[in-house]
Amino acid sequence: MEGNQREKLEQQLQEARDNLLSLEYNWDDRGAKKIEEATFQRMVEFLFDLLENIQQEGIKWELPEIYPGTKGEVLVQWKTDRFQLVIVIPEDTLEPAIYYATDYDKNEDEGTASNERLNSLYINWARQF
């Protein structure tokens, strides 16, 4: 695994941890749930697995945007002017991750998926750019 990309991801995740885990209940003044450590950790594990897998494929890694969701979930987004991929890591550990992908034209895809499916979604996304 390339150290530089891993270090950048670690730095980004530390900043996201500080931001997301500091949010209290009702952080949006509309009853939003706080982000739990376990939910954040699931997202971290997913991103490190993804980074390792795409590097094995020789795919370029782009740092995602990381956002809190109002139901206690964490949203991970890669976005360009031509394509968007959003992965939602739910608070409930029994629920699978949800994804949404679009090329802003006519192609959209969404659903639930395993980490393997999410890895292939990112790889397909990254190969277009």
Protein backbone atom coordinates (compact mmCIF):
# COMPACT_ATOMS: atom_id res chain seq x y z
CA MET A 1 0.00 0.00 0.00
CA GLU A 2 1.40 3.35 -0.94
CA GLY A 3 2.29 5.16 2.27
CA ASN A 4 1.49 8.64 1.01
CA GLN A 5 -2.12 7.81 0.13
CA ARG A 6 -2.63 5.98 3.40
CA GLU A 7 -1.19 8.91 5.34
CA LYS A 8 -3.50 11.35 3.56
CA LEU A 9 -6.48 9.13 4.32
CA GLU A 10 -5.43 8.80 7.97
CA GLN A 11 -5.16 12.58 8.27
CA GLN A 12 -8.54 13.10 6.64
CA LEU A 13 -10.15 10.50 8.89
CA GLN A 14 -8.72 12.12 12.00
CA GLU A 15 -10.22 15.45 10.98
CA ALA A 16 -13.53 13.76 10.17
CA ARG A 17 -13.45 11.94 13.53
CA ASP A 18 -12.96 15.22 15.37
CA ASN A 19 -15.80 16.86 13.44
CA LEU A 20 -18.37 14.08 13.28
CA LEU A 21 -17.97 12.59 16.74
CA SER A 22 -18.19 16.01 18.36
CA LEU A 23 -21.72 16.47 17.00
CA GLU A 24 -24.38 16.16 19.67
CA TYR A 25 -27.98 15.04 19.35
CA ASN A 26 -29.97 17.66 17.40
CA TRP A 27 -26.84 19.12 15.76
CA ASP A 28 -28.99 20.35 12.89
CA ASP A 29 -31.75 21.78 15.12
CA ARG A 30 -34.13 19.24 13.56
CA GLY A 31 -33.52 16.21 15.76
CA ALA A 32 -30.49 14.75 13.98
CA LYS A 33 -28.87 11.83 15.77
CA LYS A 34 -25.26 11.95 16.86
CA ILE A 35 -22.70 9.82 15.04
CA GLU A 36 -21.64 6.85 17.15
CA GLU A 37 -18.05 5.66 17.35
CA ALA A 38 -19.05 2.22 16.01
CA THR A 39 -20.61 3.76 12.90
CA PHE A 40 -17.56 5.91 12.29
CA GLN A 41 -15.29 2.88 12.74
CA ARG A 42 -17.27 0.89 10.16
CA MET A 43 -16.68 3.71 7.68
CA VAL A 44 -12.95 3.79 8.52
CA GLU A 45 -12.62 0.04 7.97
CA PHE A 46 -14.49 0.28 4.69
CA LEU A 47 -12.23 3.08 3.40
CA PHE A 48 -8.99 1.32 4.34
CA ASP A 49 -10.23 -1.91 2.72
CA LEU A 50 -11.19 0.07 -0.37
CA LEU A 51 -7.81 1.80 -0.53
CA GLU A 52 -5.97 -1.51 -0.28
CA ASN A 53 -8.14 -3.13 -2.96
CA ILE A 54 -7.92 -0.32 -5.47
CA GLN A 55 -4.16 -0.06 -5.06
CA GLN A 56 -3.93 -3.77 -5.91
CA GLU A 57 -5.87 -2.94 -9.07
CA GLY A 58 -3.56 -0.01 -9.87
CA ILE A 59 -6.44 2.47 -9.67
CA LYS A 60 -5.93 6.10 -8.73
CA TRP A 61 -7.20 6.97 -5.24
CA GLU A 62 -9.19 10.11 -4.65
CA LEU A 63 -9.99 11.28 -1.13
CA PRO A 64 -13.74 11.37 -0.55
CA GLU A 65 -15.83 13.97 1.20
CA ILE A 66 -17.21 12.70 4.52
CA TYR A 67 -20.48 14.01 5.95
CA PRO A 68 -22.76 13.25 8.89
CA GLY A 69 -26.26 11.99 8.18
CA THR A 70 -29.26 13.04 10.20
CA LYS A 71 -30.15 9.44 11.16
CA GLY A 72 -26.72 8.72 12.68
CA GLU A 73 -25.25 7.43 9.42
CA VAL A 74 -22.02 8.54 7.73
CA LEU A 75 -21.98 9.57 4.07
CA VAL A 76 -18.87 9.10 1.92
CA GLN A 77 -18.91 10.93 -1.40
CA TRP A 78 -16.70 11.10 -4.46
CA LYS A 79 -17.82 13.75 -6.91
CA THR A 80 -16.55 15.26 -10.13
CA ASP A 81 -18.28 17.36 -12.76
CA ARG A 82 -19.04 14.12 -14.63
CA PHE A 83 -19.82 11.52 -11.97
CA GLN A 84 -20.90 11.09 -8.36
CA LEU A 85 -20.68 8.10 -6.03
CA VAL A 86 -22.20 8.27 -2.54
CA ILE A 87 -21.93 5.48 0.00
CA VAL A 88 -24.00 5.59 3.17
CA ILE A 89 -22.74 3.67 6.20
CA PRO A 90 -25.81 3.18 8.42
CA GLU A 91 -25.80 3.42 12.18
CA ASP A 92 -27.36 -0.04 12.54
CA THR A 93 -24.58 -2.60 12.11
CA LEU A 94 -27.10 -5.14 10.82
CA GLU A 95 -28.01 -2.91 7.86
CA PRO A 96 -25.89 -3.03 4.72
CA ALA A 97 -24.28 0.03 3.22
CA ILE A 98 -26.32 1.90 0.64
CA TYR A 99 -24.90 3.44 -2.51
CA TYR A 100 -25.97 5.90 -5.18
CA ALA A 101 -24.04 6.50 -8.39
CA THR A 102 -24.78 8.81 -11.31
CA ASP A 103 -23.04 10.25 -14.33
CA TYR A 104 -25.53 13.20 -14.36
CA ASP A 105 -26.68 12.11 -17.79
CA LYS A 106 -28.87 9.05 -18.06
CA ASN A 107 -27.08 6.48 -15.96
CA GLU A 108 -28.01 6.06 -12.31
CA ASP A 109 -27.63 3.13 -9.97
CA GLU A 110 -28.53 2.70 -6.33
CA GLY A 111 -29.04 -0.05 -3.82
CA THR A 112 -27.50 -1.95 -0.97
CA ALA A 113 -24.20 -3.70 -1.29
CA SER A 114 -21.42 -5.64 0.33
CA ASN A 115 -17.92 -4.19 0.64
CA GLU A 116 -16.91 -6.18 -2.44
CA ARG A 117 -19.66 -4.54 -4.51
CA LEU A 118 -18.76 -1.11 -3.17
CA ASN A 119 -15.12 -1.72 -4.10
CA SER A 120 -16.13 -2.54 -7.67
CA LEU A 121 -18.33 0.57 -7.82
CA TYR A 122 -15.39 2.76 -6.86
CA ILE A 123 -13.08 1.00 -9.30
CA ASN A 124 -15.58 1.49 -12.14
CA TRP A 125 -15.99 5.14 -11.13
CA ALA A 126 -12.24 5.77 -10.94
CA ARG A 127 -11.52 4.14 -14.30
CA GLN A 128 -13.66 6.78 -15.99
CA PHE A 129 -11.36 9.58 -14.85
